Amino acid sequence: MQRICFVLQVKPERLEEYKERHRNVWPEMQAALRETGWGNYSLFLRDDGLLVGYLETEDFDKARSGMAQRAINDRWQREMGEFFVQPDGVLPDRAMLPLEEVFHL
């Protein structure tokens, strides 16, 4: 099992709306995440916009690839892209770069 942690940056002026959107994640999106191997998936948000994501999966590349093939994911990523500080045209799920795990107890 892989433990994956990544960081993204949410635009500070969009924090409240970002949190509100995640109170109501579409059921189809949640199902797609589960079906493609995204387990124990959590997002943590600091008040300056630092977003820390964590998930457990058998194979992160396979989990990302599985989601990339889902129309619901494409729709979600396009709607959520405006919330992030990132290069134009880069969808949030493509910007997830796993951090190196240096310790686990």
Protein backbone atom coordinates (compact mmCIF):
# COMPACT_ATOMS: atom_id res chain seq x y z
CA MET A 1 0.00 0.00 0.00
CA GLN A 2 1.35 3.41 -0.95
CA ARG A 3 0.77 6.43 1.27
CA ILE A 4 0.68 9.54 -0.92
CA CYS A 5 0.95 13.12 0.29
CA PHE A 6 0.91 16.15 -2.00
CA VAL A 7 0.55 19.92 -1.72
CA LEU A 8 -1.26 22.46 -3.88
CA GLN A 9 -1.95 26.16 -3.36
CA VAL A 10 -5.51 27.47 -3.22
CA LYS A 11 -5.99 31.15 -4.00
CA PRO A 12 -6.48 32.86 -0.61
CA GLU A 13 -9.49 34.83 -1.85
CA ARG A 14 -11.24 31.57 -2.83
CA LEU A 15 -10.77 29.60 0.43
CA GLU A 16 -14.35 29.75 1.69
CA GLU A 17 -15.85 28.77 -1.65
CA TYR A 18 -13.28 25.96 -1.99
CA LYS A 19 -14.29 24.59 1.41
CA GLU A 20 -17.98 24.90 0.54
CA ARG A 21 -17.50 22.93 -2.69
CA HIS A 22 -15.88 20.12 -0.71
CA ARG A 23 -18.79 19.93 1.70
CA ASN A 24 -20.81 18.80 -1.32
CA VAL A 25 -18.52 16.66 -3.47
CA TRP A 26 -20.67 15.04 -6.14
CA PRO A 27 -21.63 11.44 -5.27
CA GLU A 28 -20.47 10.33 -8.75
CA MET A 29 -17.05 11.86 -8.09
CA GLN A 30 -16.79 10.12 -4.73
CA ALA A 31 -17.76 6.80 -6.33
CA ALA A 32 -15.18 7.25 -9.10
CA LEU A 33 -12.43 7.92 -6.54
CA ARG A 34 -13.33 4.78 -4.60
CA GLU A 35 -13.60 2.65 -7.75
CA THR A 36 -10.16 3.73 -9.00
CA GLY A 37 -8.36 3.00 -5.74
CA TRP A 38 -8.29 6.30 -3.82
CA GLY A 39 -8.57 5.17 -0.21
CA ASN A 40 -8.45 7.17 3.01
CA TYR A 41 -8.38 10.34 0.87
CA SER A 42 -8.23 13.55 2.91
CA LEU A 43 -7.58 17.21 2.18
CA PHE A 44 -6.26 19.67 4.77
CA LEU A 45 -6.30 23.43 4.20
CA ARG A 46 -4.26 26.12 5.93
CA ASP A 47 -5.60 29.68 6.15
CA ASP A 48 -2.98 30.94 3.66
CA GLY A 49 -4.25 28.48 1.03
CA LEU A 50 -1.73 25.67 1.45
CA LEU A 51 -3.63 22.48 0.63
CA VAL A 52 -2.21 19.16 1.81
CA GLY A 53 -3.69 16.00 0.35
CA TYR A 54 -3.26 12.47 1.67
CA LEU A 55 -4.43 9.14 0.29
CA GLU A 56 -3.64 5.47 0.39
CA THR A 57 -3.63 3.36 -2.75
CA GLU A 58 -2.13 0.20 -4.18
CA ASP A 59 -0.68 2.09 -7.17
CA PHE A 60 -0.83 5.90 -7.41
CA ASP A 61 -0.05 6.01 -11.12
CA LYS A 62 -2.86 3.54 -11.79
CA ALA A 63 -5.26 5.45 -9.51
CA ARG A 64 -4.49 8.74 -11.28
CA SER A 65 -4.78 7.11 -14.71
CA GLY A 66 -8.12 5.56 -13.75
CA MET A 67 -9.51 8.93 -12.71
CA ALA A 68 -8.12 10.64 -15.81
CA GLN A 69 -10.33 8.35 -17.91
CA ARG A 70 -13.52 9.38 -16.11
CA ALA A 71 -15.70 12.14 -17.57
CA ILE A 72 -16.84 13.10 -14.07
CA ASN A 73 -13.22 13.75 -13.08
CA ASP A 74 -12.60 15.93 -16.12
CA ARG A 75 -15.68 18.00 -15.26
CA TRP A 76 -14.67 18.33 -11.59
CA GLN A 77 -11.07 19.27 -12.40
CA ARG A 78 -12.15 21.93 -14.91
CA GLU A 79 -14.56 23.48 -12.40
CA MET A 80 -12.03 23.37 -9.55
CA GLY A 81 -9.02 24.57 -11.57
CA GLU A 82 -9.91 28.22 -11.05
CA PHE A 83 -9.34 27.85 -7.30
CA PHE A 84 -5.62 27.05 -7.59
CA VAL A 85 -2.42 28.99 -8.06
CA GLN A 86 -0.80 27.06 -10.92
CA PRO A 87 0.22 27.47 -14.55
CA ASP A 88 -2.64 28.15 -16.96
CA GLY A 89 -4.12 25.05 -18.48
CA VAL A 90 -2.80 22.67 -15.81
CA LEU A 91 -5.66 20.88 -14.09
CA PRO A 92 -5.33 20.32 -10.33
CA ASP A 93 -5.07 16.54 -10.52
CA ARG A 94 -2.16 16.85 -12.99
CA ALA A 95 -0.33 19.14 -10.55
CA MET A 96 -0.36 16.58 -7.70
CA LEU A 97 3.27 15.65 -7.18
CA PRO A 98 3.82 13.21 -4.32
CA LEU A 99 6.13 14.32 -1.55
CA GLU A 100 8.91 11.97 -0.52
CA GLU A 101 8.03 10.07 2.62
CA VAL A 102 11.00 10.28 4.99
CA PHE A 103 9.50 8.70 8.12
CA HIS A 104 6.55 6.48 9.03
CA LEU A 105 5.81 4.89 12.40
